[in-house]
Amino acid sequence: MIELFDLTGEIILITGGTGVIGSSFAKAVLHAGAEVILWSRGKSTSPEEVIKNLEEKTGKQGKIFSFKVDTSDREAVETGFREIVDTIGIPTVLINGVGGNRGKSSFIDTDLDLFEEILKLNLFGGLVIPTQVIAKYWIEHKIEGSIINLASSASYVPLSGVWAYDAAKAAVMNLTAATAKEFAPYKIRVNAIAPGFFAGIQNRSLLYENYGKKTLTERGKAIINHTPFKRFGNPEELHGTVVFLASRKASGFITGVTISVDGGYLVDNI
């Protein structure tokens, strides 16, 4: 069983790698033996601090690398990918972890510039551009890679007031299935993880009135009431799924699926 989830020899590229979920993915695959490359824009979280924290928690010194790359910029992605191929090696797993939302409004009051920005972040930077660049390289060099996209509960059921995020995450799940079909002849797998609600830096203000005291906002209360487990997720609860999908031994015949890790959010009923 240990061999099924052994990622020794794999080089895993994680975009959005310094965020709460991205760094949690990194921790999981490091424990499984992989080398990890983190891509981020470096705006909100220090990559150096993330690497130091991961090295302390995993004991994997010299196995984590960080680069500043804006994944919504194709030229930056192409340049960044060439750099890691030349200096570290060829990534065999791509985890598309870039994403997020800004603000909340009624549909008719939605700021179209902001809508486009969020769509570009989650869909172009969060899937389309990195996948195009890296899958093209894999196909040309006959590399059997694996892509793991970051979907959302909003991929299935839209969340109120976050229109661009809803649209982008629905597209992520759709394109996961579509690219899985296109890349299958090249032995490239494409799957996705759809986390439920995990309290990260980007959404804490939506979920908590006071994060330290764990006082919930009305939206936070509504989510908990809609989640059968009656709590938010812990990032560590994503570890098993990401290692499973990254391992060709454990999931080598699986492609085009999105796995929900949501405490039952999607099956809630009355």
Foldseek 3Di string as FASTA:
>chain_A
DLVQLAPAPAEEEEEVLQWQLNLLQVLLNVLSHAQYEYEYQCDPDHPVVSVVVSCVVRVDPPRYHYDYAQLLDLVRLLVVQVVCCVPPRQHQEYEQDWAAADDFDAPVPDDVVRLVVRLSRCARSRPVRNCVNNLVVCLVVLGQHEYEGEAAPLLPPNDHGGVSNSVNRVVRLVVQQVVQVVCVVSNYAGEYEHEYADDIPRCVVVFAPDVVVNHGDPNNCVQLVLAQVSDHDDSNLCSVVSSQRRRCSNQVPDHSYYHYDYNCNVVGDD
